[in-house]
N, C-alpha and C. Protein backbone atom coordinates (compact mmCIF):
# COMPACT_ATOMS: atom_id res chain seq x y z
N MET A 1 -68.59 -141.20 -19.44
CA MET A 1 -67.70 -140.24 -18.79
C MET A 1 -68.28 -138.85 -18.94
N SER A 2 -68.29 -138.08 -17.87
CA SER A 2 -68.80 -136.71 -17.94
C SER A 2 -67.72 -135.75 -17.51
N LEU A 3 -67.77 -134.53 -18.04
CA LEU A 3 -66.78 -133.51 -17.75
C LEU A 3 -67.49 -132.30 -17.20
N ASN A 4 -67.10 -131.89 -15.98
CA ASN A 4 -67.74 -130.74 -15.35
C ASN A 4 -66.69 -129.76 -14.87
N SER A 5 -67.03 -128.47 -14.94
CA SER A 5 -66.17 -127.46 -14.35
C SER A 5 -66.36 -127.46 -12.86
N MET A 6 -65.29 -127.50 -12.12
CA MET A 6 -65.36 -127.52 -10.66
C MET A 6 -65.39 -126.09 -10.17
N THR A 7 -66.59 -125.56 -9.97
CA THR A 7 -66.70 -124.16 -9.62
C THR A 7 -67.39 -123.93 -8.29
N ASN A 8 -67.72 -124.99 -7.54
CA ASN A 8 -68.34 -124.76 -6.24
C ASN A 8 -67.30 -124.39 -5.22
N GLN A 9 -67.74 -123.97 -4.04
CA GLN A 9 -66.81 -123.42 -3.05
C GLN A 9 -65.87 -124.48 -2.48
N ASN A 10 -66.16 -125.75 -2.70
CA ASN A 10 -65.30 -126.79 -2.15
C ASN A 10 -64.29 -127.30 -3.17
N SER A 11 -64.23 -126.72 -4.35
CA SER A 11 -63.36 -127.21 -5.40
C SER A 11 -62.49 -126.10 -5.95
N PRO A 12 -61.29 -126.43 -6.47
CA PRO A 12 -60.44 -125.41 -7.07
C PRO A 12 -61.17 -124.74 -8.23
N LEU A 13 -60.98 -123.44 -8.37
CA LEU A 13 -61.64 -122.71 -9.43
C LEU A 13 -60.92 -122.86 -10.76
N ASN A 14 -59.69 -123.35 -10.73
CA ASN A 14 -58.92 -123.45 -11.96
C ASN A 14 -58.73 -124.90 -12.39
N SER A 15 -59.73 -125.75 -12.11
CA SER A 15 -59.59 -127.15 -12.48
C SER A 15 -60.89 -127.71 -13.02
N LEU A 16 -60.78 -128.86 -13.67
CA LEU A 16 -61.93 -129.61 -14.17
C LEU A 16 -61.91 -130.98 -13.54
N VAL A 17 -63.08 -131.63 -13.52
CA VAL A 17 -63.14 -132.98 -13.00
C VAL A 17 -63.76 -133.89 -14.04
N LEU A 18 -63.15 -135.06 -14.22
CA LEU A 18 -63.68 -136.10 -15.09
C LEU A 18 -64.30 -137.18 -14.22
N HIS A 19 -65.58 -137.45 -14.42
CA HIS A 19 -66.26 -138.53 -13.70
C HIS A 19 -66.24 -139.78 -14.58
N TRP A 20 -65.61 -140.83 -14.10
CA TRP A 20 -65.51 -142.07 -14.86
C TRP A 20 -66.58 -143.05 -14.39
N PRO A 21 -67.33 -143.66 -15.32
CA PRO A 21 -68.26 -144.72 -14.91
C PRO A 21 -67.48 -145.95 -14.44
N PRO A 22 -68.09 -146.79 -13.60
CA PRO A 22 -67.38 -147.97 -13.08
C PRO A 22 -66.76 -148.84 -14.17
N SER A 23 -67.40 -148.91 -15.32
CA SER A 23 -66.89 -149.76 -16.40
C SER A 23 -65.60 -149.22 -17.02
N LEU A 24 -65.32 -147.92 -16.78
CA LEU A 24 -64.12 -147.31 -17.33
C LEU A 24 -63.12 -146.92 -16.25
N HIS A 25 -63.28 -147.47 -15.06
CA HIS A 25 -62.37 -147.14 -13.96
C HIS A 25 -60.94 -147.54 -14.33
N LEU A 26 -60.01 -146.60 -14.23
CA LEU A 26 -58.62 -146.85 -14.61
C LEU A 26 -57.82 -147.42 -13.45
N MET A 27 -57.10 -148.49 -13.72
CA MET A 27 -56.16 -149.03 -12.74
C MET A 27 -54.98 -148.07 -12.64
N ASN A 28 -54.14 -148.25 -11.61
CA ASN A 28 -53.03 -147.32 -11.38
C ASN A 28 -52.12 -147.19 -12.59
N ASP A 29 -51.75 -148.31 -13.20
CA ASP A 29 -50.86 -148.27 -14.37
C ASP A 29 -51.54 -147.60 -15.56
N GLN A 30 -52.84 -147.82 -15.71
CA GLN A 30 -53.57 -147.18 -16.80
C GLN A 30 -53.67 -145.67 -16.58
N PHE A 31 -53.89 -145.28 -15.34
CA PHE A 31 -53.96 -143.86 -15.03
C PHE A 31 -52.59 -143.21 -15.27
N PHE A 32 -51.53 -143.90 -14.93
CA PHE A 32 -50.18 -143.39 -15.20
C PHE A 32 -50.00 -143.15 -16.70
N ASP A 33 -50.40 -144.12 -17.52
CA ASP A 33 -50.27 -143.98 -18.97
C ASP A 33 -51.14 -142.83 -19.49
N PHE A 34 -52.33 -142.68 -18.91
CA PHE A 34 -53.23 -141.58 -19.28
C PHE A 34 -52.56 -140.24 -19.02
N CYS A 35 -51.88 -140.13 -17.89
CA CYS A 35 -51.18 -138.88 -17.56
C CYS A 35 -49.99 -138.64 -18.47
N GLN A 36 -49.31 -139.73 -18.87
CA GLN A 36 -48.13 -139.58 -19.71
C GLN A 36 -48.46 -139.06 -21.10
N VAL A 37 -49.64 -139.40 -21.62
CA VAL A 37 -50.01 -138.90 -22.94
C VAL A 37 -50.68 -137.53 -22.85
N ASN A 38 -50.80 -137.01 -21.63
CA ASN A 38 -51.33 -135.66 -21.42
C ASN A 38 -50.37 -134.88 -20.51
N LYS A 39 -49.10 -134.89 -20.88
CA LYS A 39 -48.06 -134.32 -20.02
C LYS A 39 -48.19 -132.81 -19.82
N GLU A 40 -48.94 -132.17 -20.72
CA GLU A 40 -49.11 -130.72 -20.57
C GLU A 40 -50.09 -130.38 -19.45
N LEU A 41 -50.75 -131.40 -18.90
CA LEU A 41 -51.73 -131.20 -17.84
C LEU A 41 -51.22 -131.79 -16.52
N ARG A 42 -51.65 -131.20 -15.42
CA ARG A 42 -51.40 -131.78 -14.11
C ARG A 42 -52.69 -132.46 -13.67
N ILE A 43 -52.66 -133.80 -13.57
CA ILE A 43 -53.86 -134.58 -13.31
C ILE A 43 -53.71 -135.36 -12.01
N GLU A 44 -54.72 -135.29 -11.17
CA GLU A 44 -54.77 -136.08 -9.95
C GLU A 44 -56.01 -136.95 -9.97
N ARG A 45 -56.04 -137.98 -9.12
CA ARG A 45 -57.21 -138.83 -9.00
C ARG A 45 -57.70 -138.83 -7.57
N THR A 46 -59.01 -138.68 -7.40
CA THR A 46 -59.58 -138.71 -6.06
C THR A 46 -59.72 -140.15 -5.58
N ALA A 47 -60.00 -140.30 -4.30
CA ALA A 47 -60.22 -141.64 -3.75
C ALA A 47 -61.44 -142.31 -4.37
N GLN A 48 -62.38 -141.50 -4.92
CA GLN A 48 -63.58 -142.03 -5.57
C GLN A 48 -63.34 -142.40 -7.04
N GLY A 49 -62.15 -142.10 -7.57
CA GLY A 49 -61.81 -142.46 -8.93
C GLY A 49 -61.97 -141.36 -9.95
N ASP A 50 -62.44 -140.18 -9.54
CA ASP A 50 -62.56 -139.06 -10.47
C ASP A 50 -61.18 -138.47 -10.78
N SER A 51 -61.04 -137.91 -11.96
CA SER A 51 -59.79 -137.27 -12.37
C SER A 51 -59.93 -135.76 -12.27
N GLU A 52 -59.04 -135.13 -11.53
CA GLU A 52 -59.02 -133.67 -11.40
C GLU A 52 -57.89 -133.12 -12.26
N ILE A 53 -58.25 -132.22 -13.17
CA ILE A 53 -57.28 -131.66 -14.11
C ILE A 53 -57.06 -130.20 -13.75
N MET A 54 -55.82 -129.88 -13.34
CA MET A 54 -55.49 -128.53 -12.92
C MET A 54 -54.84 -127.74 -14.06
N ALA A 55 -55.20 -126.47 -14.13
CA ALA A 55 -54.60 -125.59 -15.12
C ALA A 55 -53.20 -125.18 -14.66
N PRO A 56 -52.32 -124.76 -15.59
CA PRO A 56 -51.01 -124.25 -15.19
C PRO A 56 -51.16 -123.05 -14.27
N THR A 57 -50.18 -122.85 -13.40
CA THR A 57 -50.23 -121.72 -12.47
C THR A 57 -49.72 -120.44 -13.13
N GLY A 58 -50.00 -119.32 -12.49
CA GLY A 58 -49.46 -118.05 -12.95
C GLY A 58 -48.00 -117.90 -12.60
N GLY A 59 -47.39 -116.86 -13.11
CA GLY A 59 -45.96 -116.65 -12.90
C GLY A 59 -45.57 -116.51 -11.45
N ALA A 60 -46.35 -115.74 -10.66
CA ALA A 60 -46.01 -115.51 -9.26
C ALA A 60 -46.03 -116.81 -8.47
N THR A 61 -47.07 -117.63 -8.69
CA THR A 61 -47.17 -118.91 -7.97
C THR A 61 -46.04 -119.84 -8.37
N SER A 62 -45.73 -119.88 -9.67
CA SER A 62 -44.64 -120.73 -10.15
C SER A 62 -43.32 -120.31 -9.53
N TRP A 63 -43.07 -119.02 -9.46
CA TRP A 63 -41.83 -118.53 -8.86
C TRP A 63 -41.75 -118.91 -7.39
N ARG A 64 -42.85 -118.71 -6.66
CA ARG A 64 -42.86 -119.05 -5.23
C ARG A 64 -42.62 -120.54 -5.03
N ASN A 65 -43.22 -121.36 -5.87
CA ASN A 65 -43.03 -122.79 -5.73
C ASN A 65 -41.57 -123.18 -5.97
N SER A 66 -40.93 -122.50 -6.91
CA SER A 66 -39.52 -122.78 -7.16
C SER A 66 -38.66 -122.43 -5.96
N ARG A 67 -39.04 -121.37 -5.23
CA ARG A 67 -38.30 -120.99 -4.03
C ARG A 67 -38.47 -122.03 -2.92
N LEU A 68 -39.67 -122.59 -2.81
CA LEU A 68 -39.90 -123.64 -1.83
C LEU A 68 -39.04 -124.87 -2.13
N ILE A 69 -39.06 -125.27 -3.40
CA ILE A 69 -38.27 -126.44 -3.82
C ILE A 69 -36.79 -126.21 -3.55
N THR A 70 -36.32 -125.02 -3.88
CA THR A 70 -34.90 -124.71 -3.71
C THR A 70 -34.48 -124.80 -2.24
N GLN A 71 -35.26 -124.19 -1.35
CA GLN A 71 -34.91 -124.19 0.07
C GLN A 71 -34.89 -125.61 0.64
N LEU A 72 -35.93 -126.39 0.32
CA LEU A 72 -35.99 -127.75 0.86
C LEU A 72 -34.92 -128.64 0.25
N SER A 73 -34.65 -128.47 -1.04
CA SER A 73 -33.65 -129.31 -1.72
C SER A 73 -32.25 -129.06 -1.19
N ILE A 74 -31.90 -127.81 -0.93
CA ILE A 74 -30.57 -127.50 -0.39
C ILE A 74 -30.39 -128.18 0.96
N TRP A 75 -31.41 -128.09 1.82
CA TRP A 75 -31.33 -128.75 3.13
C TRP A 75 -31.25 -130.27 2.96
N ALA A 76 -32.10 -130.84 2.10
CA ALA A 76 -32.16 -132.29 1.94
C ALA A 76 -30.85 -132.85 1.40
N ASP A 77 -30.20 -132.14 0.50
CA ASP A 77 -28.93 -132.61 -0.05
C ASP A 77 -27.86 -132.68 1.04
N LEU A 78 -27.90 -131.73 1.95
CA LEU A 78 -26.91 -131.71 3.03
C LEU A 78 -27.25 -132.72 4.12
N GLU A 79 -28.54 -132.85 4.44
CA GLU A 79 -28.96 -133.72 5.54
C GLU A 79 -28.97 -135.19 5.14
N GLY A 80 -29.46 -135.49 3.95
CA GLY A 80 -29.28 -136.81 3.35
C GLY A 80 -30.27 -137.91 3.67
N SER A 81 -31.20 -137.71 4.59
CA SER A 81 -32.07 -138.83 4.99
C SER A 81 -33.33 -138.96 4.13
N GLY A 82 -33.57 -138.00 3.25
CA GLY A 82 -34.78 -138.05 2.44
C GLY A 82 -34.59 -137.43 1.07
N VAL A 83 -35.64 -137.54 0.26
CA VAL A 83 -35.61 -137.07 -1.13
C VAL A 83 -36.77 -136.10 -1.36
N VAL A 84 -36.50 -135.03 -2.11
CA VAL A 84 -37.49 -134.00 -2.41
C VAL A 84 -38.09 -134.25 -3.79
N PHE A 85 -39.42 -134.03 -3.90
CA PHE A 85 -40.12 -134.18 -5.17
C PHE A 85 -40.90 -132.90 -5.47
N ASP A 86 -41.01 -132.58 -6.78
CA ASP A 86 -41.76 -131.39 -7.15
C ASP A 86 -43.19 -131.76 -7.51
N SER A 87 -43.95 -130.79 -8.04
CA SER A 87 -45.38 -130.97 -8.27
C SER A 87 -45.70 -131.91 -9.42
N SER A 88 -44.70 -132.35 -10.18
CA SER A 88 -44.96 -133.29 -11.27
C SER A 88 -44.91 -134.74 -10.80
N GLY A 89 -44.52 -134.96 -9.53
CA GLY A 89 -44.42 -136.31 -9.01
C GLY A 89 -45.73 -136.79 -8.42
N GLY A 90 -46.19 -137.97 -8.83
CA GLY A 90 -47.45 -138.52 -8.32
C GLY A 90 -47.23 -139.57 -7.25
N PHE A 91 -48.16 -139.63 -6.29
CA PHE A 91 -48.10 -140.59 -5.20
C PHE A 91 -49.45 -141.29 -5.08
N VAL A 92 -49.43 -142.62 -5.01
CA VAL A 92 -50.64 -143.39 -4.80
C VAL A 92 -50.85 -143.53 -3.30
N LEU A 93 -51.86 -142.86 -2.77
CA LEU A 93 -52.12 -142.89 -1.33
C LEU A 93 -52.84 -144.18 -0.95
N PRO A 94 -52.76 -144.57 0.32
CA PRO A 94 -53.44 -145.79 0.75
C PRO A 94 -54.93 -145.82 0.46
N ASN A 95 -55.60 -144.65 0.39
CA ASN A 95 -57.03 -144.63 0.11
C ASN A 95 -57.37 -144.73 -1.37
N GLY A 96 -56.33 -144.86 -2.22
CA GLY A 96 -56.53 -145.00 -3.65
C GLY A 96 -56.39 -143.73 -4.45
N ALA A 97 -56.37 -142.58 -3.78
CA ALA A 97 -56.17 -141.32 -4.48
C ALA A 97 -54.74 -141.24 -5.02
N ILE A 98 -54.58 -140.51 -6.11
CA ILE A 98 -53.25 -140.23 -6.66
C ILE A 98 -53.07 -138.72 -6.63
N ARG A 99 -52.13 -138.26 -5.82
CA ARG A 99 -51.94 -136.83 -5.60
C ARG A 99 -50.54 -136.39 -5.98
N SER A 100 -50.42 -135.09 -6.29
CA SER A 100 -49.14 -134.49 -6.65
C SER A 100 -48.95 -133.21 -5.85
N PRO A 101 -48.43 -133.30 -4.64
CA PRO A 101 -48.23 -132.09 -3.83
C PRO A 101 -47.29 -131.11 -4.53
N ASP A 102 -47.43 -129.83 -4.21
CA ASP A 102 -46.53 -128.84 -4.78
C ASP A 102 -45.08 -129.15 -4.44
N VAL A 103 -44.85 -129.55 -3.20
CA VAL A 103 -43.52 -129.94 -2.73
C VAL A 103 -43.71 -131.11 -1.76
N SER A 104 -42.84 -132.10 -1.85
CA SER A 104 -42.94 -133.22 -0.91
C SER A 104 -41.57 -133.79 -0.60
N TRP A 105 -41.51 -134.51 0.51
CA TRP A 105 -40.25 -135.11 0.97
C TRP A 105 -40.56 -136.50 1.52
N VAL A 106 -39.73 -137.48 1.13
CA VAL A 106 -39.93 -138.86 1.55
C VAL A 106 -38.62 -139.41 2.10
N LYS A 107 -38.71 -140.15 3.20
CA LYS A 107 -37.52 -140.76 3.79
C LYS A 107 -36.92 -141.78 2.83
N ARG A 108 -35.60 -141.77 2.74
CA ARG A 108 -34.90 -142.73 1.86
C ARG A 108 -35.17 -144.17 2.29
N SER A 109 -35.34 -144.39 3.58
CA SER A 109 -35.58 -145.75 4.06
C SER A 109 -36.86 -146.33 3.49
N ARG A 110 -37.85 -145.49 3.22
CA ARG A 110 -39.09 -145.96 2.62
C ARG A 110 -38.93 -146.16 1.12
N LEU A 111 -38.20 -145.28 0.48
CA LEU A 111 -37.99 -145.39 -0.97
C LEU A 111 -37.15 -146.61 -1.32
N SER A 112 -36.23 -147.00 -0.43
CA SER A 112 -35.35 -148.14 -0.71
C SER A 112 -36.12 -149.45 -0.79
N ALA A 113 -37.33 -149.48 -0.24
CA ALA A 113 -38.13 -150.71 -0.27
C ALA A 113 -38.87 -150.87 -1.60
N LEU A 114 -38.85 -149.86 -2.45
CA LEU A 114 -39.55 -149.91 -3.72
C LEU A 114 -38.69 -150.56 -4.80
N THR A 115 -39.35 -151.19 -5.76
CA THR A 115 -38.64 -151.79 -6.88
C THR A 115 -38.26 -150.71 -7.89
N VAL A 116 -37.39 -151.06 -8.81
CA VAL A 116 -36.99 -150.13 -9.86
C VAL A 116 -38.21 -149.71 -10.68
N GLU A 117 -39.08 -150.66 -10.99
CA GLU A 117 -40.28 -150.36 -11.77
C GLU A 117 -41.21 -149.42 -11.00
N GLN A 118 -41.38 -149.65 -9.70
CA GLN A 118 -42.23 -148.77 -8.91
C GLN A 118 -41.72 -147.34 -8.89
N LYS A 119 -40.40 -147.18 -8.88
CA LYS A 119 -39.82 -145.84 -8.86
C LYS A 119 -40.00 -145.11 -10.18
N GLN A 120 -40.26 -145.84 -11.26
CA GLN A 120 -40.45 -145.23 -12.56
C GLN A 120 -41.89 -144.73 -12.77
N ARG A 121 -42.80 -145.15 -11.87
CA ARG A 121 -44.20 -144.78 -11.99
C ARG A 121 -44.62 -143.98 -10.77
N PHE A 122 -45.93 -143.78 -10.57
CA PHE A 122 -46.37 -143.08 -9.38
C PHE A 122 -45.93 -143.88 -8.16
N LEU A 123 -45.33 -143.21 -7.21
CA LEU A 123 -44.81 -143.91 -6.04
C LEU A 123 -45.96 -144.38 -5.16
N PRO A 124 -45.96 -145.67 -4.78
CA PRO A 124 -47.06 -146.23 -4.00
C PRO A 124 -46.92 -145.96 -2.50
N LEU A 125 -46.98 -144.68 -2.14
CA LEU A 125 -46.87 -144.29 -0.73
C LEU A 125 -47.30 -142.84 -0.58
N CYS A 126 -47.54 -142.46 0.65
CA CYS A 126 -47.83 -141.06 0.96
C CYS A 126 -46.55 -140.39 1.44
N PRO A 127 -46.22 -139.21 0.96
CA PRO A 127 -45.01 -138.54 1.43
C PRO A 127 -45.04 -138.32 2.94
N ASP A 128 -43.85 -138.24 3.53
CA ASP A 128 -43.75 -137.95 4.96
C ASP A 128 -44.05 -136.48 5.25
N PHE A 129 -43.75 -135.62 4.29
CA PHE A 129 -43.92 -134.18 4.46
C PHE A 129 -44.40 -133.58 3.16
N VAL A 130 -45.41 -132.72 3.23
CA VAL A 130 -45.95 -132.10 2.02
C VAL A 130 -46.14 -130.60 2.24
N ILE A 131 -46.01 -129.85 1.16
CA ILE A 131 -46.33 -128.42 1.14
C ILE A 131 -47.28 -128.18 -0.02
N GLU A 132 -48.37 -127.48 0.25
CA GLU A 132 -49.24 -127.00 -0.81
C GLU A 132 -49.23 -125.47 -0.76
N LEU A 133 -49.07 -124.87 -1.93
CA LEU A 133 -49.01 -123.41 -2.06
C LEU A 133 -50.30 -122.94 -2.72
N ARG A 134 -51.05 -122.12 -2.02
CA ARG A 134 -52.33 -121.65 -2.57
C ARG A 134 -52.11 -120.58 -3.62
N SER A 135 -52.67 -120.79 -4.80
CA SER A 135 -52.65 -119.77 -5.83
C SER A 135 -53.92 -118.93 -5.69
N PRO A 136 -53.98 -117.74 -6.30
CA PRO A 136 -55.15 -116.85 -6.13
C PRO A 136 -56.49 -117.49 -6.48
N SER A 137 -56.49 -118.44 -7.40
CA SER A 137 -57.76 -119.04 -7.83
C SER A 137 -58.12 -120.31 -7.06
N ASP A 138 -57.27 -120.75 -6.14
CA ASP A 138 -57.53 -121.97 -5.39
C ASP A 138 -58.53 -121.75 -4.27
N SER A 139 -59.42 -122.71 -4.06
CA SER A 139 -60.32 -122.71 -2.92
C SER A 139 -59.57 -123.17 -1.68
N ILE A 140 -59.59 -122.38 -0.61
CA ILE A 140 -58.90 -122.76 0.61
C ILE A 140 -59.51 -124.02 1.21
N LYS A 141 -60.84 -124.16 1.08
CA LYS A 141 -61.51 -125.36 1.61
C LYS A 141 -61.03 -126.61 0.89
N SER A 142 -60.90 -126.54 -0.43
CA SER A 142 -60.43 -127.69 -1.19
C SER A 142 -59.02 -128.08 -0.80
N LEU A 143 -58.15 -127.09 -0.61
CA LEU A 143 -56.78 -127.38 -0.21
C LEU A 143 -56.71 -127.93 1.21
N GLN A 144 -57.55 -127.43 2.10
CA GLN A 144 -57.59 -127.97 3.46
C GLN A 144 -58.00 -129.43 3.44
N ASP A 145 -58.99 -129.76 2.62
CA ASP A 145 -59.43 -131.16 2.50
C ASP A 145 -58.30 -132.03 1.98
N LYS A 146 -57.54 -131.51 1.03
CA LYS A 146 -56.43 -132.28 0.48
C LYS A 146 -55.33 -132.48 1.53
N MET A 147 -55.04 -131.44 2.30
CA MET A 147 -54.03 -131.57 3.36
C MET A 147 -54.48 -132.57 4.42
N GLN A 148 -55.78 -132.54 4.74
CA GLN A 148 -56.30 -133.50 5.71
C GLN A 148 -56.18 -134.92 5.17
N GLU A 149 -56.38 -135.07 3.87
CA GLU A 149 -56.23 -136.39 3.25
C GLU A 149 -54.79 -136.90 3.39
N TYR A 150 -53.82 -136.02 3.17
CA TYR A 150 -52.42 -136.43 3.36
C TYR A 150 -52.19 -136.92 4.79
N SER A 151 -52.69 -136.16 5.77
CA SER A 151 -52.49 -136.52 7.18
C SER A 151 -53.12 -137.87 7.50
N GLU A 152 -54.31 -138.11 6.95
CA GLU A 152 -55.02 -139.35 7.23
C GLU A 152 -54.40 -140.55 6.52
N ASN A 153 -53.55 -140.29 5.53
CA ASN A 153 -52.95 -141.38 4.76
C ASN A 153 -51.46 -141.57 5.02
N GLY A 154 -50.94 -140.91 6.06
CA GLY A 154 -49.56 -141.21 6.45
C GLY A 154 -48.59 -140.07 6.51
N ALA A 155 -48.95 -138.87 6.05
CA ALA A 155 -48.03 -137.73 6.13
C ALA A 155 -47.86 -137.31 7.59
N SER A 156 -46.63 -137.16 8.02
CA SER A 156 -46.36 -136.74 9.40
C SER A 156 -46.55 -135.24 9.59
N LEU A 157 -46.39 -134.49 8.50
CA LEU A 157 -46.47 -133.03 8.60
C LEU A 157 -46.87 -132.44 7.25
N GLY A 158 -47.72 -131.42 7.29
CA GLY A 158 -48.10 -130.71 6.07
C GLY A 158 -48.23 -129.23 6.34
N TRP A 159 -47.75 -128.43 5.40
CA TRP A 159 -47.87 -126.97 5.50
C TRP A 159 -48.68 -126.48 4.30
N LEU A 160 -49.76 -125.78 4.58
CA LEU A 160 -50.55 -125.12 3.55
C LEU A 160 -50.24 -123.63 3.63
N ILE A 161 -49.60 -123.11 2.59
CA ILE A 161 -49.13 -121.73 2.59
C ILE A 161 -50.04 -120.88 1.72
N ASP A 162 -50.63 -119.86 2.33
CA ASP A 162 -51.52 -118.93 1.63
C ASP A 162 -50.80 -117.59 1.54
N THR A 163 -50.21 -117.31 0.39
CA THR A 163 -49.43 -116.08 0.25
C THR A 163 -50.31 -114.85 0.18
N GLU A 164 -51.56 -115.01 -0.29
CA GLU A 164 -52.46 -113.86 -0.36
C GLU A 164 -52.75 -113.32 1.04
N GLY A 165 -53.05 -114.22 1.97
CA GLY A 165 -53.35 -113.81 3.34
C GLY A 165 -52.14 -113.84 4.25
N GLN A 166 -50.98 -114.27 3.71
CA GLN A 166 -49.75 -114.42 4.49
C GLN A 166 -50.02 -115.27 5.74
N GLN A 167 -50.64 -116.42 5.49
CA GLN A 167 -50.95 -117.35 6.56
C GLN A 167 -50.42 -118.73 6.22
N VAL A 168 -50.18 -119.53 7.27
CA VAL A 168 -49.78 -120.92 7.11
C VAL A 168 -50.66 -121.78 8.00
N LEU A 169 -51.18 -122.87 7.45
CA LEU A 169 -51.93 -123.85 8.22
C LEU A 169 -51.06 -125.09 8.35
N VAL A 170 -50.88 -125.56 9.58
CA VAL A 170 -50.02 -126.71 9.86
C VAL A 170 -50.91 -127.92 10.16
N PHE A 171 -50.65 -129.01 9.43
CA PHE A 171 -51.43 -130.24 9.58
C PHE A 171 -50.55 -131.37 10.10
N GLN A 172 -51.04 -132.05 11.14
CA GLN A 172 -50.38 -133.23 11.67
C GLN A 172 -51.46 -134.24 12.05
N PRO A 173 -51.16 -135.53 11.97
CA PRO A 173 -52.17 -136.55 12.26
C PRO A 173 -52.76 -136.40 13.66
N LYS A 174 -54.07 -136.52 13.75
CA LYS A 174 -54.80 -136.52 15.03
C LYS A 174 -54.50 -135.28 15.87
N THR A 175 -54.25 -134.17 15.18
CA THR A 175 -53.93 -132.91 15.86
C THR A 175 -54.75 -131.79 15.21
N ALA A 176 -55.20 -130.86 16.03
CA ALA A 176 -55.96 -129.73 15.49
C ALA A 176 -55.08 -128.90 14.57
N ILE A 177 -55.69 -128.35 13.53
CA ILE A 177 -54.96 -127.50 12.59
C ILE A 177 -54.43 -126.27 13.32
N VAL A 178 -53.17 -125.94 13.08
CA VAL A 178 -52.55 -124.76 13.69
C VAL A 178 -52.52 -123.65 12.65
N HIS A 179 -53.04 -122.47 12.99
CA HIS A 179 -53.05 -121.31 12.10
C HIS A 179 -51.95 -120.34 12.52
N LEU A 180 -51.10 -119.98 11.58
CA LEU A 180 -50.02 -119.03 11.84
C LEU A 180 -50.21 -117.80 10.95
N ASP A 181 -50.21 -116.63 11.55
CA ASP A 181 -50.38 -115.38 10.80
C ASP A 181 -49.03 -114.70 10.56
N LYS A 182 -48.73 -114.49 9.30
CA LYS A 182 -47.53 -113.78 8.86
C LYS A 182 -46.23 -114.29 9.52
N PRO A 183 -46.02 -115.60 9.58
CA PRO A 183 -44.75 -116.08 10.12
C PRO A 183 -43.60 -115.73 9.19
N GLN A 184 -42.47 -115.45 9.74
CA GLN A 184 -41.28 -115.13 8.94
C GLN A 184 -40.51 -116.38 8.53
N PHE A 185 -40.70 -117.45 9.31
CA PHE A 185 -40.05 -118.72 8.98
C PHE A 185 -40.82 -119.85 9.64
N LEU A 186 -40.54 -121.09 9.19
CA LEU A 186 -41.14 -122.28 9.77
C LEU A 186 -40.05 -123.29 10.09
N LEU A 187 -40.25 -124.02 11.19
CA LEU A 187 -39.33 -125.09 11.59
C LEU A 187 -40.10 -126.39 11.72
N ALA A 188 -39.41 -127.50 11.51
CA ALA A 188 -40.03 -128.82 11.64
C ALA A 188 -39.01 -129.79 12.19
N ASP A 189 -38.43 -129.45 13.33
CA ASP A 189 -37.29 -130.21 13.85
C ASP A 189 -37.63 -131.65 14.22
N ASP A 190 -38.89 -131.93 14.56
CA ASP A 190 -39.25 -133.31 14.90
C ASP A 190 -39.13 -134.24 13.70
N LEU A 191 -39.27 -133.70 12.50
CA LEU A 191 -39.19 -134.51 11.29
C LEU A 191 -38.02 -134.11 10.40
N LEU A 192 -37.84 -132.80 10.23
CA LEU A 192 -36.80 -132.28 9.34
C LEU A 192 -35.81 -131.48 10.17
N ALA A 193 -34.98 -132.17 10.89
CA ALA A 193 -34.06 -131.52 11.83
C ALA A 193 -33.14 -130.54 11.12
N GLY A 194 -33.19 -129.29 11.56
CA GLY A 194 -32.31 -128.27 11.00
C GLY A 194 -32.88 -127.52 9.82
N PHE A 195 -34.04 -127.93 9.33
CA PHE A 195 -34.63 -127.24 8.17
C PHE A 195 -35.39 -126.01 8.65
N ARG A 196 -35.14 -124.89 8.00
CA ARG A 196 -35.81 -123.63 8.30
C ARG A 196 -36.31 -123.03 6.99
N LEU A 197 -37.61 -122.94 6.84
CA LEU A 197 -38.20 -122.39 5.63
C LEU A 197 -38.39 -120.90 5.82
N GLU A 198 -37.68 -120.11 5.03
CA GLU A 198 -37.76 -118.65 5.11
C GLU A 198 -38.96 -118.17 4.31
N LEU A 199 -39.98 -117.68 4.99
CA LEU A 199 -41.20 -117.27 4.32
C LEU A 199 -41.17 -115.82 3.84
N GLN A 200 -40.31 -115.01 4.42
CA GLN A 200 -40.22 -113.63 3.96
C GLN A 200 -39.87 -113.57 2.49
N LYS A 201 -39.17 -114.60 2.01
CA LYS A 201 -38.79 -114.66 0.60
C LYS A 201 -39.98 -115.01 -0.31
N LEU A 202 -41.11 -115.41 0.30
CA LEU A 202 -42.28 -115.79 -0.47
C LEU A 202 -43.38 -114.75 -0.47
N TRP A 203 -43.46 -113.98 0.61
CA TRP A 203 -44.58 -113.04 0.72
C TRP A 203 -44.60 -112.02 -0.40
N ASP A 204 -43.42 -111.55 -0.80
CA ASP A 204 -43.34 -110.58 -1.90
C ASP A 204 -42.72 -111.23 -3.13
N VAL A 205 -43.35 -111.03 -4.28
CA VAL A 205 -42.84 -111.62 -5.51
C VAL A 205 -41.50 -110.98 -5.85
N GLY A 206 -40.52 -111.84 -6.16
CA GLY A 206 -39.16 -111.34 -6.38
C GLY A 206 -38.81 -111.07 -7.82
N PHE A 207 -39.77 -110.69 -8.63
CA PHE A 207 -39.45 -110.31 -10.02
C PHE A 207 -40.47 -109.30 -10.52
């Protein structure tokens, strides 16, 4: 096993990667247990089996992420057709990667097909909707690749929010990326009917 700092332009600047030899490749349940004994870390797995270890975010990013969760959760509780997950929730994608989006939403109809045991571990599915929030140290290229991975593995919609540039990149399967400059709000009526994400509340730190 080797440990390298991920400092190239295609990787997050605030993370490390663990390269596992084939003889030490962790199965999904083993990787879950590995994460449980390292709860102070946010760990993801690539489709190639490498482990990406992310550092905790700064205060501004954490606050913004809480605002995203709050807005989506209020709508989801009223609308009722899906469930919201925060960045500590892991998902096993069809390509074998295990990812933890900053914010995600999954239809209840898909969750109802899972067993009780499956719900206690990383969920074996790709969320229907994901949001990734770029922190100052994140590589935009790395986040774009991750959003593309969600789209290719079943996500119907993804929003990559860059608060530094006040931009949003919209990802949908088999569709060109849409770039939005300084939008005040976002709508997703085809998937999240009635949900309106107020972005003005994110552009400026509220503390």
